[in-house]
Protein backbone atom coordinates (compact mmCIF):
# COMPACT_ATOMS: atom_id res chain seq x y z
CA UNK A 1 42.35 -4.94 87.04
CA UNK A 2 39.83 -6.79 89.21
CA UNK A 3 41.74 -5.72 92.34
CA UNK A 4 41.59 -2.08 91.20
CA UNK A 5 37.85 -2.29 90.59
CA UNK A 6 37.29 -3.87 94.01
CA UNK A 7 39.36 -1.11 95.63
CA UNK A 8 37.27 1.63 93.95
CA UNK A 9 34.06 -0.07 95.02
CA UNK A 10 35.25 -0.34 98.63
CA UNK A 11 36.13 3.36 98.69
CA UNK A 12 32.63 4.30 97.41
CA UNK A 13 30.82 1.68 99.49
CA UNK A 14 29.47 0.05 96.32
CA UNK A 15 29.41 -3.68 95.83
CA UNK A 16 31.41 -5.02 92.90
CA UNK A 17 29.25 -5.47 89.79
CA UNK A 18 26.62 -2.94 90.92
CA UNK A 19 27.66 -0.48 88.20
CA UNK A 20 27.04 -3.08 85.53
CA UNK A 21 23.60 -3.83 87.00
CA UNK A 22 22.77 -0.11 87.17
CA UNK A 23 23.79 0.43 83.57
CA UNK A 24 21.73 -2.55 82.48
CA UNK A 25 18.75 -1.30 84.48
CA UNK A 26 19.09 2.15 82.91
CA UNK A 27 19.05 0.54 79.52
CA UNK A 28 15.76 -1.21 80.36
CA UNK A 29 14.18 2.09 81.48
CA UNK A 30 15.33 4.01 78.42
CA UNK A 31 14.83 1.43 75.75
CA UNK A 32 11.99 -0.61 77.17
CA UNK A 33 13.86 -3.86 76.52
CA UNK A 34 17.46 -4.75 77.30
CA UNK A 35 20.36 -2.34 77.28
CA UNK A 36 19.96 1.08 75.64
CA UNK A 37 21.44 -0.06 72.35
CA UNK A 38 18.76 1.72 70.21
CA UNK A 39 15.55 0.40 68.68
CA UNK A 40 15.44 -1.45 65.39
CA UNK A 41 15.03 1.10 62.54
CA UNK A 42 12.47 -1.14 60.84
CA UNK A 43 10.33 -1.29 63.98
CA UNK A 44 10.51 2.51 64.34
CA UNK A 45 9.23 2.86 60.78
CA UNK A 46 6.34 0.50 61.52
CA UNK A 47 5.48 2.50 64.63
CA UNK A 48 5.43 5.74 62.64
CA UNK A 49 3.18 4.19 60.00
CA UNK A 50 0.81 2.88 62.65
CA UNK A 51 0.75 6.27 64.33
CA UNK A 52 -0.15 7.97 61.04
CA UNK A 53 -2.93 5.49 60.38
CA UNK A 54 -4.42 5.52 63.87
CA UNK A 55 -3.68 8.89 65.42
CA UNK A 56 -3.01 11.71 62.96
CA UNK A 57 -3.57 13.11 59.50
CA UNK A 58 -6.15 12.52 56.80
CA UNK A 59 -6.16 8.77 57.47
CA UNK A 60 -7.76 9.33 60.84
CA UNK A 61 -10.14 12.02 59.53
CA UNK A 62 -11.43 9.90 56.68
CA UNK A 63 -11.55 6.83 58.86
CA UNK A 64 -14.17 8.38 61.14
CA UNK A 65 -17.82 9.22 60.45
CA UNK A 66 -18.91 12.91 60.35
CA UNK A 67 -19.19 14.27 63.89
CA UNK A 68 -20.03 17.51 65.68
CA UNK A 69 -18.40 19.98 63.31
CA UNK A 70 -20.01 18.49 60.21
CA UNK A 71 -23.48 18.50 61.76
CA UNK A 72 -23.09 22.05 63.04
CA UNK A 73 -22.28 23.15 59.49
CA UNK A 74 -25.25 21.14 58.22
CA UNK A 75 -27.57 23.11 60.50
CA UNK A 76 -27.03 26.26 58.39
CA UNK A 77 -28.60 25.08 55.09
CA UNK A 78 -31.24 23.12 57.00
CA UNK A 79 -32.28 26.29 58.85
CA UNK A 80 -32.40 28.20 55.54
CA UNK A 81 -34.67 25.55 53.99
CA UNK A 82 -36.98 25.51 57.00
CA UNK A 83 -37.21 29.31 56.88
CA UNK A 84 -38.06 29.15 53.17
CA UNK A 85 -40.86 26.73 54.01
CA UNK A 86 -42.52 29.33 56.27
CA UNK A 87 -43.84 31.22 53.22
CA UNK A 88 -46.94 30.04 51.34
CA UNK A 89 -45.76 27.57 48.70
CA UNK A 90 -42.17 28.26 49.75
CA UNK A 91 -39.79 31.20 49.33
CA UNK A 92 -37.83 30.54 46.14
CA UNK A 93 -34.32 31.81 46.95
CA UNK A 94 -34.00 30.36 50.49
CA UNK A 95 -35.20 26.98 49.24
CA UNK A 96 -32.79 26.97 46.29
CA UNK A 97 -29.70 28.03 48.25
CA UNK A 98 -30.56 25.89 51.28
CA UNK A 99 -31.20 22.81 49.15
CA UNK A 100 -27.93 23.40 47.27
CA UNK A 101 -26.00 23.48 50.54
CA UNK A 102 -27.68 20.29 51.71
CA UNK A 103 -26.83 18.49 48.45
CA UNK A 104 -23.19 19.57 48.74
CA UNK A 105 -22.91 18.36 52.33
CA UNK A 106 -24.71 15.14 51.41
CA UNK A 107 -21.88 14.43 48.97
CA UNK A 108 -19.33 15.05 51.72
CA UNK A 109 -21.27 12.74 54.04
CA UNK A 110 -21.35 10.00 51.41
CA UNK A 111 -17.59 10.21 50.81
CA UNK A 112 -16.90 10.07 54.54
CA UNK A 113 -19.27 7.12 54.94
CA UNK A 114 -17.50 5.14 52.20
CA UNK A 115 -14.07 5.89 53.72
CA UNK A 116 -15.35 4.92 57.17
CA UNK A 117 -16.72 1.63 55.84
CA UNK A 118 -13.34 0.83 54.24
CA UNK A 119 -11.49 1.64 57.48
CA UNK A 120 -13.93 -0.48 59.48
CA UNK A 121 -12.96 -3.55 57.46
CA UNK A 122 -9.52 -3.39 59.09
CA UNK A 123 -10.71 -2.27 62.50
CA UNK A 124 -14.44 -2.40 63.41
CA UNK A 125 -15.73 0.87 64.86
CA UNK A 126 -19.03 2.29 66.03
CA UNK A 127 -21.15 3.70 63.20
CA UNK A 128 -23.76 5.51 65.31
CA UNK A 129 -22.64 8.94 64.05
CA UNK A 130 -23.52 7.94 60.49
CA UNK A 131 -27.19 7.77 61.46
CA UNK A 132 -27.45 11.40 62.65
CA UNK A 133 -27.65 13.12 59.24
CA UNK A 134 -30.16 10.68 57.66
CA UNK A 135 -32.42 10.87 60.72
CA UNK A 136 -32.23 14.68 60.61
CA UNK A 137 -33.14 14.58 56.91
CA UNK A 138 -36.22 12.46 57.59
CA UNK A 139 -37.31 14.86 60.35
CA UNK A 140 -36.87 17.93 58.10
CA UNK A 141 -38.88 16.35 55.27
CA UNK A 142 -41.65 15.34 57.69
CA UNK A 143 -41.82 18.88 59.10
CA UNK A 144 -42.10 20.38 55.61
CA UNK A 145 -44.72 17.89 54.42
CA UNK A 146 -46.83 18.68 57.50
CA UNK A 147 -46.35 22.46 56.92
CA UNK A 148 -45.04 22.81 60.47
CA UNK A 149 -42.68 25.76 59.69
CA UNK A 150 -45.49 27.63 57.89
CA UNK A 151 -48.01 26.98 60.64
CA UNK A 152 -45.65 28.07 63.42
CA UNK A 153 -44.81 31.36 61.71
CA UNK A 154 -48.43 31.91 60.74
CA UNK A 155 -49.62 31.37 64.32
CA UNK A 156 -47.31 34.17 65.44
CA UNK A 157 -48.46 36.54 62.65
CA UNK A 158 -52.19 35.76 62.43
CA UNK A 159 -53.41 38.47 64.89
CA UNK A 160 -51.89 41.21 62.70
CA UNK A 161 -53.67 39.85 59.61
CA UNK A 162 -56.97 39.64 61.45
CA UNK A 163 -56.71 43.30 62.44
CA UNK A 164 -56.50 44.30 58.78
CA UNK A 165 -59.41 42.00 57.90
CA UNK A 166 -61.53 43.67 60.57
CA UNK A 167 -60.64 47.10 59.18
CA UNK A 168 -61.51 46.09 55.61
CA UNK A 169 -64.81 44.51 56.69
CA UNK A 170 -65.74 47.66 58.61
CA UNK A 171 -65.18 49.85 55.53
CA UNK A 172 -68.54 50.36 53.80
CA UNK A 173 -66.97 51.67 50.61
CA UNK A 174 -67.05 48.98 47.94
CA UNK A 175 -63.82 48.48 46.00
CA UNK A 176 -63.64 49.25 42.33
CA UNK A 177 -64.11 46.05 40.32
CA UNK A 178 -60.92 46.38 38.32
CA UNK A 179 -58.81 47.53 41.27
CA UNK A 180 -59.53 45.69 44.52
CA UNK A 181 -56.31 46.93 46.13
CA UNK A 182 -56.73 48.27 49.66
CA UNK A 183 -54.68 51.38 50.49
CA UNK A 184 -53.14 52.38 53.80
CA UNK A 185 -52.37 48.93 55.19
CA UNK A 186 -49.19 48.05 57.16
CA UNK A 187 -46.41 46.66 55.01
CA UNK A 188 -45.34 44.22 57.72
CA UNK A 189 -47.92 42.00 59.36
CA UNK A 190 -46.39 39.90 62.11
CA UNK A 191 -43.19 38.49 60.62
CA UNK A 192 -44.45 38.62 57.01
CA UNK A 193 -43.85 41.43 54.53
CA UNK A 194 -46.98 42.12 52.49
CA UNK A 195 -46.88 43.82 49.09
CA UNK A 196 -50.63 44.31 48.63
CA UNK A 197 -54.01 43.68 50.22
CA UNK A 198 -56.94 42.80 47.94
CA UNK A 199 -60.60 43.21 48.89
CA UNK A 200 -62.27 40.40 47.00
CA UNK A 201 -65.95 39.54 46.86
CA UNK A 202 -66.17 37.03 49.66
CA UNK A 203 -62.74 37.52 51.20
CA UNK A 204 -59.58 39.51 51.84
CA UNK A 205 -56.30 38.46 50.23
CA UNK A 206 -52.74 39.32 51.28
CA UNK A 207 -49.90 39.00 48.75
CA UNK A 208 -46.72 37.96 50.58
CA UNK A 209 -43.41 39.42 49.39
CA UNK A 210 -41.26 36.27 49.50
CA UNK A 211 -43.76 33.70 48.28
CA UNK A 212 -43.45 32.14 44.85
CA UNK A 213 -41.13 32.90 41.93
CA UNK A 214 -43.39 33.59 38.93
CA UNK A 215 -46.84 33.65 40.51
CA UNK A 216 -47.81 35.73 43.53
CA UNK A 217 -48.71 33.80 46.66
CA UNK A 218 -50.10 34.71 50.04
CA UNK A 219 -52.94 34.30 52.51
CA UNK A 220 -56.65 34.84 51.99
CA UNK A 221 -59.45 35.10 54.53
CA UNK A 222 -62.64 33.44 53.26
CA UNK A 223 -65.30 33.46 55.99
CA UNK A 224 -67.81 31.75 53.67
CA UNK A 225 -65.32 29.39 52.07
CA UNK A 226 -63.89 29.25 48.52
CA UNK A 227 -67.35 29.00 46.95
CA UNK A 228 -68.03 32.62 47.95
CA UNK A 229 -65.45 33.92 45.46
CA UNK A 230 -66.78 35.31 42.21
CA UNK A 231 -66.21 33.29 39.06
CA UNK A 232 -63.63 35.80 37.81
CA UNK A 233 -61.59 35.62 41.00
CA UNK A 234 -61.87 31.85 41.35
CA UNK A 235 -61.05 30.96 37.75
CA UNK A 236 -59.19 33.95 36.31
CA UNK A 237 -56.83 34.75 39.16
CA UNK A 238 -56.66 32.12 41.91
CA UNK A 239 -54.85 29.07 40.61
CA UNK A 240 -54.66 27.13 43.83
CA UNK A 241 -56.22 27.32 47.28
CA UNK A 242 -55.05 25.30 50.27
CA UNK A 243 -56.78 25.34 53.62
CA UNK A 244 -54.56 26.61 56.43
CA UNK A 245 -56.82 26.88 59.48
CA UNK A 246 -60.28 28.19 60.28
CA UNK A 247 -61.32 30.69 57.58
CA UNK A 248 -57.76 31.13 56.34
CA UNK A 249 -56.26 29.69 53.15
CA UNK A 250 -53.04 30.02 51.22
CA UNK A 251 -53.30 30.87 47.53
CA UNK A 252 -51.38 31.27 44.30
CA UNK A 253 -52.32 34.33 42.25
CA UNK A 254 -51.61 34.19 38.53
CA UNK A 255 -49.98 37.32 37.08
């Protein structure tokens, strides 16, 4: 048998034993270790379990903090809330729906944060993404407390309001006491929709369409300040006045 093998090797110019070496080498390449006799089934199961935990499926999703997609979705209710804050005293529906969306996503964020903390006990990971949503929340609250959305929208719309004020001031006809409504004014002033303009003693008031839920709200121009309003207007109608800028105030008008 050995003589026959040697004869075959001489005919093919192959040294005796090279075939065995080649087959052994092929086994190393295919199997990673030793001859290609197949991996241990138990080790293959462990590898699959590790792959599920580290690379795919819900385990990986819940083991990571919220990232780009979550924060892009979060921008939608945040934008709605900020838009609602551009109306005097806030637009009711945008604030309600926007706040509801934020609360829902806050619950999702909390669940993901807890799952991430549990996964980090086994394998420490960077938690910098967890800080994005809380920081954004602090920024949004600060903007609303400082009335930044309202002031930015008002700055863009103020010239249109001042044109109406100039027209009302130039009209020598005094309004009827029980009906101070001004007729013939534009329904849209800047980016605000106005439902009525009121010529008060001492100022001009604009009732904004989206402001408030029960009480009417809007802007009022008081060149001589709040003290110039008559007692009836100051006590019977205007519940709250807040200074906006210059001679302009926001108000709540009781129905």
